[in-house]
PDB file of all heavy atoms in Angstrom:
ATOM      1  N   LYS A   1     -99.981  38.667-111.434  1.00  0.00           N
ATOM      2  CA  LYS A   1    -100.603  37.298-111.540  1.00  0.00           C
ATOM      3  C   LYS A   1    -102.097  37.293-111.250  1.00  0.00           C
ATOM      4  O   LYS A   1    -102.865  36.653-111.941  1.00  0.00           O
ATOM      5  CB  LYS A   1     -99.960  36.361-110.501  1.00  0.00           C
ATOM      6  CG  LYS A   1    -100.427  34.917-110.456  1.00  0.00           C
ATOM      7  CD  LYS A   1     -99.612  34.115-109.500  1.00  0.00           C
ATOM      8  CE  LYS A   1    -100.022  32.633-109.495  1.00  0.00           C
ATOM      9  NZ  LYS A   1    -101.371  32.481-108.958  1.00  0.00           N
ATOM     10  N   GLN A   2    -102.562  38.077-110.224  1.00  0.00           N
ATOM     11  CA  GLN A   2    -103.962  38.200-109.911  1.00  0.00           C
ATOM     12  C   GLN A   2    -104.739  38.791-111.004  1.00  0.00           C
ATOM     13  O   GLN A   2    -105.824  38.409-111.356  1.00  0.00           O
ATOM     14  CB  GLN A   2    -104.142  39.018-108.627  1.00  0.00           C
ATOM     15  CG  GLN A   2    -103.633  38.292-107.390  1.00  0.00           C
ATOM     16  CD  GLN A   2    -103.558  39.233-106.213  1.00  0.00           C
ATOM     17  OE1 GLN A   2    -103.505  40.445-106.358  1.00  0.00           O
ATOM     18  NE2 GLN A   2    -103.535  38.620-104.994  1.00  0.00           N
ATOM     19  N   ILE A   3    -104.208  39.843-111.697  1.00  0.00           N
ATOM     20  CA  ILE A   3    -104.743  40.517-112.871  1.00  0.00           C
ATOM     21  C   ILE A   3    -105.026  39.490-113.917  1.00  0.00           C
ATOM     22  O   ILE A   3    -106.177  39.497-114.549  1.00  0.00           O
ATOM     23  CB  ILE A   3    -103.916  41.712-113.366  1.00  0.00           C
ATOM     24  CG1 ILE A   3    -103.924  42.861-112.365  1.00  0.00           C
ATOM     25  CG2 ILE A   3    -104.417  42.151-114.762  1.00  0.00           C
ATOM     26  CD1 ILE A   3    -102.995  43.979-112.706  1.00  0.00           C
ATOM     27  N   ILE A   4    -104.062  38.724-114.312  1.00  0.00           N
ATOM     28  CA  ILE A   4    -104.199  37.677-115.389  1.00  0.00           C
ATOM     29  C   ILE A   4    -105.340  36.700-114.975  1.00  0.00           C
ATOM     30  O   ILE A   4    -106.202  36.243-115.790  1.00  0.00           O
ATOM     31  CB  ILE A   4    -102.900  36.946-115.604  1.00  0.00           C
ATOM     32  CG1 ILE A   4    -101.863  37.859-116.248  1.00  0.00           C
ATOM     33  CG2 ILE A   4    -103.120  35.737-116.485  1.00  0.00           C
ATOM     34  CD1 ILE A   4    -100.497  37.285-116.311  1.00  0.00           C
ATOM     35  N   GLU A   5    -105.380  36.319-113.730  1.00  0.00           N
ATOM     36  CA  GLU A   5    -106.425  35.324-113.247  1.00  0.00           C
ATOM     37  C   GLU A   5    -107.793  35.905-113.341  1.00  0.00           C
ATOM     38  O   GLU A   5    -108.708  35.254-113.871  1.00  0.00           O
ATOM     39  CB  GLU A   5    -106.131  34.960-111.755  1.00  0.00           C
ATOM     40  CG  GLU A   5    -104.901  34.064-111.671  1.00  0.00           C
ATOM     41  CD  GLU A   5    -104.512  33.772-110.233  1.00  0.00           C
ATOM     42  OE1 GLU A   5    -105.036  34.526-109.325  1.00  0.00           O
ATOM     43  OE2 GLU A   5    -103.672  32.878-109.933  1.00  0.00           O
ATOM     44  N   ILE A   6    -107.967  37.224-112.948  1.00  0.00           N
ATOM     45  CA  ILE A   6    -109.241  37.839-113.012  1.00  0.00           C
ATOM     46  C   ILE A   6    -109.700  38.056-114.498  1.00  0.00           C
ATOM     47  O   ILE A   6    -110.912  37.861-114.812  1.00  0.00           O
ATOM     48  CB  ILE A   6    -109.291  39.179-112.228  1.00  0.00           C
ATOM     49  CG1 ILE A   6    -109.034  38.907-110.764  1.00  0.00           C
ATOM     50  CG2 ILE A   6    -110.580  39.939-112.502  1.00  0.00           C
ATOM     51  CD1 ILE A   6    -110.143  38.133-110.136  1.00  0.00           C
ATOM     52  N   ARG A   7    -108.771  38.471-115.307  1.00  0.00           N
ATOM     53  CA  ARG A   7    -109.095  38.583-116.741  1.00  0.00           C
ATOM     54  C   ARG A   7    -109.543  37.267-117.338  1.00  0.00           C
ATOM     55  O   ARG A   7    -110.489  37.209-118.063  1.00  0.00           O
ATOM     56  CB  ARG A   7    -107.862  39.136-117.517  1.00  0.00           C
ATOM     57  CG  ARG A   7    -107.499  40.621-117.223  1.00  0.00           C
ATOM     58  CD  ARG A   7    -106.269  40.975-117.996  1.00  0.00           C
ATOM     59  NE  ARG A   7    -105.917  42.356-117.713  1.00  0.00           N
ATOM     60  CZ  ARG A   7    -104.774  42.892-118.209  1.00  0.00           C
ATOM     61  NH1 ARG A   7    -103.928  42.232-118.931  1.00  0.00           N
ATOM     62  NH2 ARG A   7    -104.515  44.201-117.893  1.00  0.00           N
ATOM     63  N   THR A   8    -108.816  36.246-117.003  1.00  0.00           N
ATOM     64  CA  THR A   8    -109.223  34.884-117.517  1.00  0.00           C
ATOM     65  C   THR A   8    -110.591  34.479-116.998  1.00  0.00           C
ATOM     66  O   THR A   8    -111.459  33.971-117.800  1.00  0.00           O
ATOM     67  CB  THR A   8    -108.222  33.802-117.051  1.00  0.00           C
ATOM     68  OG1 THR A   8    -106.907  34.158-117.622  1.00  0.00           O
ATOM     69  CG2 THR A   8    -108.552  32.446-117.600  1.00  0.00           C
ATOM     70  N   LEU A   9    -110.910  34.799-115.788  1.00  0.00           N
ATOM     71  CA  LEU A   9    -112.158  34.526-115.210  1.00  0.00           C
ATOM     72  C   LEU A   9    -113.328  35.255-115.933  1.00  0.00           C
ATOM     73  O   LEU A   9    -114.324  34.789-116.268  1.00  0.00           O
ATOM     74  CB  LEU A   9    -112.226  34.852-113.682  1.00  0.00           C
ATOM     75  CG  LEU A   9    -113.533  34.707-112.941  1.00  0.00           C
ATOM     76  CD1 LEU A   9    -114.086  33.371-113.143  1.00  0.00           C
ATOM     77  CD2 LEU A   9    -113.377  35.072-111.541  1.00  0.00           C
ATOM     78  N   ILE A  10    -113.053  36.599-116.206  1.00  0.00           N
ATOM     79  CA  ILE A  10    -114.041  37.395-116.977  1.00  0.00           C
ATOM     80  C   ILE A  10    -114.284  36.821-118.346  1.00  0.00           C
ATOM     81  O   ILE A  10    -115.478  36.769-118.809  1.00  0.00           O
ATOM     82  CB  ILE A  10    -113.563  38.853-117.005  1.00  0.00           C
ATOM     83  CG1 ILE A  10    -113.616  39.467-115.592  1.00  0.00           C
ATOM     84  CG2 ILE A  10    -114.498  39.692-117.912  1.00  0.00           C
ATOM     85  CD1 ILE A  10    -112.942  40.867-115.517  1.00  0.00           C
ATOM     86  N   ARG A  11    -113.250  36.416-119.080  1.00  0.00           N
ATOM     87  CA  ARG A  11    -113.364  35.802-120.342  1.00  0.00           C
ATOM     88  C   ARG A  11    -114.272  34.534-120.286  1.00  0.00           C
ATOM     89  O   ARG A  11    -115.111  34.274-121.054  1.00  0.00           O
ATOM     90  CB  ARG A  11    -112.107  35.481-120.971  1.00  0.00           C
ATOM     91  CG  ARG A  11    -111.413  36.698-121.641  1.00  0.00           C
ATOM     92  CD  ARG A  11    -110.296  36.338-122.536  1.00  0.00           C
ATOM     93  NE  ARG A  11    -109.277  35.584-121.850  1.00  0.00           N
ATOM     94  CZ  ARG A  11    -108.133  36.155-121.314  1.00  0.00           C
ATOM     95  NH1 ARG A  11    -107.988  37.451-121.451  1.00  0.00           N
ATOM     96  NH2 ARG A  11    -107.255  35.421-120.735  1.00  0.00           N
ATOM     97  N   ASP A  12    -114.014  33.718-119.176  1.00  0.00           N
ATOM     98  CA  ASP A  12    -114.741  32.511-119.030  1.00  0.00           C
ATOM     99  C   ASP A  12    -116.209  32.750-118.737  1.00  0.00           C
ATOM    100  O   ASP A  12    -117.157  32.080-119.251  1.00  0.00           O
ATOM    101  CB  ASP A  12    -114.137  31.623-117.877  1.00  0.00           C
ATOM    102  CG  ASP A  12    -112.743  31.073-118.190  1.00  0.00           C
ATOM    103  OD1 ASP A  12    -112.427  31.036-119.431  1.00  0.00           O
ATOM    104  OD2 ASP A  12    -112.019  30.712-117.334  1.00  0.00           O
ATOM    105  N   LEU A  13    -116.482  33.818-117.943  1.00  0.00           N
ATOM    106  CA  LEU A  13    -117.875  34.191-117.668  1.00  0.00           C
ATOM    107  C   LEU A  13    -118.559  34.653-118.843  1.00  0.00           C
ATOM    108  O   LEU A  13    -119.825  34.428-119.001  1.00  0.00           O
ATOM    109  CB  LEU A  13    -117.922  35.301-116.562  1.00  0.00           C
ATOM    110  CG  LEU A  13    -117.470  34.964-115.181  1.00  0.00           C
ATOM    111  CD1 LEU A  13    -117.370  36.205-114.315  1.00  0.00           C
ATOM    112  CD2 LEU A  13    -118.410  33.872-114.571  1.00  0.00           C
ATOM    113  N   GLY A  14    -117.862  35.135-119.851  1.00  0.00           N
ATOM    114  CA  GLY A  14    -118.533  35.635-121.075  1.00  0.00           C
ATOM    115  C   GLY A  14    -119.125  34.495-121.928  1.00  0.00           C
ATOM    116  O   GLY A  14    -119.899  34.749-122.836  1.00  0.00           O
ATOM    117  N   ARG A  15    -118.791  33.294-121.601  1.00  0.00           N
ATOM    118  CA  ARG A  15    -119.384  32.153-122.372  1.00  0.00           C
ATOM    119  C   ARG A  15    -120.846  31.933-122.009  1.00  0.00           C
ATOM    120  O   ARG A  15    -121.617  31.469-122.815  1.00  0.00           O
ATOM    121  CB  ARG A  15    -118.554  30.836-122.030  1.00  0.00           C
ATOM    122  CG  ARG A  15    -117.116  30.924-122.509  1.00  0.00           C
ATOM    123  CD  ARG A  15    -116.346  29.731-121.952  1.00  0.00           C
ATOM    124  NE  ARG A  15    -114.939  29.813-122.216  1.00  0.00           N
ATOM    125  CZ  ARG A  15    -114.055  28.891-121.692  1.00  0.00           C
ATOM    126  NH1 ARG A  15    -114.446  27.991-120.843  1.00  0.00           N
ATOM    127  NH2 ARG A  15    -112.788  29.094-122.046  1.00  0.00           N
ATOM    128  N   ASN A  16    -121.178  32.301-120.737  1.00  0.00           N
ATOM    129  CA  ASN A  16    -122.489  32.080-120.312  1.00  0.00           C
ATOM    130  C   ASN A  16    -123.296  33.370-119.833  1.00  0.00           C
ATOM    131  O   ASN A  16    -124.398  33.226-119.331  1.00  0.00           O
ATOM    132  CB  ASN A  16    -122.539  31.073-119.097  1.00  0.00           C
ATOM    133  CG  ASN A  16    -121.981  29.744-119.567  1.00  0.00           C
ATOM    134  OD1 ASN A  16    -122.398  29.109-120.506  1.00  0.00           O
ATOM    135  ND2 ASN A  16    -120.931  29.335-118.843  1.00  0.00           N
ATOM    136  N   HIS A  17    -122.644  34.445-119.828  1.00  0.00           N
ATOM    137  CA  HIS A  17    -123.187  35.733-119.379  1.00  0.00           C
ATOM    138  C   HIS A  17    -122.860  36.817-120.387  1.00  0.00           C
ATOM    139  O   HIS A  17    -121.886  36.808-121.093  1.00  0.00           O
ATOM    140  CB  HIS A  17    -122.664  36.109-118.028  1.00  0.00           C
ATOM    141  CG  HIS A  17    -122.930  35.048-116.944  1.00  0.00           C
ATOM    142  ND1 HIS A  17    -123.938  35.048-116.085  1.00  0.00           N
ATOM    143  CD2 HIS A  17    -122.145  33.966-116.562  1.00  0.00           C
ATOM    144  CE1 HIS A  17    -123.847  34.020-115.236  1.00  0.00           C
ATOM    145  NE2 HIS A  17    -122.720  33.390-115.576  1.00  0.00           N
ATOM    146  N   THR A  18    -123.680  37.878-120.369  1.00  0.00           N
ATOM    147  CA  THR A  18    -123.367  39.038-121.026  1.00  0.00           C
ATOM    148  C   THR A  18    -122.595  39.964-119.996  1.00  0.00           C
ATOM    149  O   THR A  18    -123.028  40.107-118.889  1.00  0.00           O
ATOM    150  CB  THR A  18    -124.658  39.845-121.445  1.00  0.00           C
ATOM    151  OG1 THR A  18    -125.345  39.007-122.420  1.00  0.00           O
ATOM    152  CG2 THR A  18    -124.302  41.195-122.094  1.00  0.00           C
ATOM    153  N   VAL A  19    -121.396  40.518-120.400  1.00  0.00           N
ATOM    154  CA  VAL A  19    -120.562  41.172-119.397  1.00  0.00           C
ATOM    155  C   VAL A  19    -120.240  42.610-119.851  1.00  0.00           C
ATOM    156  O   VAL A  19    -119.995  42.806-121.084  1.00  0.00           O
ATOM    157  CB  VAL A  19    -119.215  40.412-119.289  1.00  0.00           C
ATOM    158  CG1 VAL A  19    -118.294  41.116-118.278  1.00  0.00           C
ATOM    159  CG2 VAL A  19    -119.457  38.982-118.832  1.00  0.00           C
ATOM    160  N   ILE A  20    -120.356  43.517-118.888  1.00  0.00           N
ATOM    161  CA  ILE A  20    -119.918  44.894-119.201  1.00  0.00           C
ATOM    162  C   ILE A  20    -118.743  45.130-118.246  1.00  0.00           C
ATOM    163  O   ILE A  20    -118.854  44.973-117.041  1.00  0.00           O
ATOM    164  CB  ILE A  20    -121.003  45.871-118.904  1.00  0.00           C
ATOM    165  CG1 ILE A  20    -122.231  45.726-119.955  1.00  0.00           C
ATOM    166  CG2 ILE A  20    -120.523  47.351-118.964  1.00  0.00           C
ATOM    167  CD1 ILE A  20    -123.349  46.660-119.794  1.00  0.00           C
ATOM    168  N   LEU A  21    -117.667  45.588-118.811  1.00  0.00           N
ATOM    169  CA  LEU A  21    -116.471  45.827-118.048  1.00  0.00           C
ATOM    170  C   LEU A  21    -116.038  47.306-118.128  1.00  0.00           C
ATOM    171  O   LEU A  21    -115.817  47.833-119.212  1.00  0.00           O
ATOM    172  CB  LEU A  21    -115.290  44.970-118.587  1.00  0.00           C
ATOM    173  CG  LEU A  21    -113.899  45.235-118.069  1.00  0.00           C
ATOM    174  CD1 LEU A  21    -113.848  44.927-116.507  1.00  0.00           C
ATOM    175  CD2 LEU A  21    -112.819  44.465-118.796  1.00  0.00           C
ATOM    176  N   SER A  22    -116.089  47.979-116.941  1.00  0.00           N
ATOM    177  CA  SER A  22    -115.694  49.323-116.934  1.00  0.00           C
ATOM    178  C   SER A  22    -114.252  49.381-116.260  1.00  0.00           C
ATOM    179  O   SER A  22    -114.120  48.904-115.114  1.00  0.00           O
ATOM    180  CB  SER A  22    -116.699  50.151-116.103  1.00  0.00           C
ATOM    181  OG  SER A  22    -116.255  51.516-115.886  1.00  0.00           O
ATOM    182  N   THR A  23    -113.352  50.028-116.958  1.00  0.00           N
ATOM    183  CA  THR A  23    -111.996  50.067-116.404  1.00  0.00           C
ATOM    184  C   THR A  23    -111.197  51.216-117.058  1.00  0.00           C
ATOM    185  O   THR A  23    -111.604  51.682-118.127  1.00  0.00           O
ATOM    186  CB  THR A  23    -111.276  48.759-116.656  1.00  0.00           C
ATOM    187  OG1 THR A  23    -109.879  48.828-116.204  1.00  0.00           O
ATOM    188  CG2 THR A  23    -111.174  48.430-118.150  1.00  0.00           C
ATOM    189  N   HIS A  24    -110.163  51.702-116.395  1.00  0.00           N
ATOM    190  CA  HIS A  24    -109.260  52.606-116.919  1.00  0.00           C
ATOM    191  C   HIS A  24    -107.990  51.972-117.567  1.00  0.00           C
ATOM    192  O   HIS A  24    -107.144  52.693-118.114  1.00  0.00           O
ATOM    193  CB  HIS A  24    -108.914  53.658-115.835  1.00  0.00           C
ATOM    194  CG  HIS A  24    -109.867  54.622-115.538  1.00  0.00           C
ATOM    195  ND1 HIS A  24    -110.842  54.486-114.508  1.00  0.00           N
ATOM    196  CD2 HIS A  24    -110.325  55.855-116.128  1.00  0.00           C
ATOM    197  CE1 HIS A  24    -111.674  55.514-114.465  1.00  0.00           C
ATOM    198  NE2 HIS A  24    -111.385  56.331-115.454  1.00  0.00           N
ATOM    199  N   ILE A  25    -107.902  50.660-117.354  1.00  0.00           N
ATOM    200  CA  ILE A  25    -106.764  49.967-117.845  1.00  0.00           C
ATOM    201  C   ILE A  25    -107.001  49.573-119.272  1.00  0.00           C
ATOM    202  O   ILE A  25    -107.606  48.478-119.522  1.00  0.00           O
ATOM    203  CB  ILE A  25    -106.437  48.811-116.973  1.00  0.00           C
ATOM    204  CG1 ILE A  25    -106.282  49.216-115.508  1.00  0.00           C
ATOM    205  CG2 ILE A  25    -105.105  48.047-117.447  1.00  0.00           C
ATOM    206  CD1 ILE A  25    -106.158  48.102-114.512  1.00  0.00           C
ATOM    207  N   LEU A  26    -106.520  50.261-120.204  1.00  0.00           N
ATOM    208  CA  LEU A  26    -106.887  50.082-121.647  1.00  0.00           C
ATOM    209  C   LEU A  26    -106.389  48.774-122.203  1.00  0.00           C
ATOM    210  O   LEU A  26    -107.131  48.103-122.944  1.00  0.00           O
ATOM    211  CB  LEU A  26    -106.429  51.239-122.475  1.00  0.00           C
ATOM    212  CG  LEU A  26    -106.967  52.684-122.082  1.00  0.00           C
ATOM    213  CD1 LEU A  26    -106.507  53.662-123.092  1.00  0.00           C
ATOM    214  CD2 LEU A  26    -108.439  52.605-121.992  1.00  0.00           C
TER     215      LEU A  26
END
C-alpha cells in the first residue's frame, strides 16, 4: 500500500518537477 502511495506521489510531482528515479525495482 505504501509503495503504491509513493509511486502515485512521484507521478504527481512529475507535473511540476523534473524527476530522476533510481531503483532496482524494475
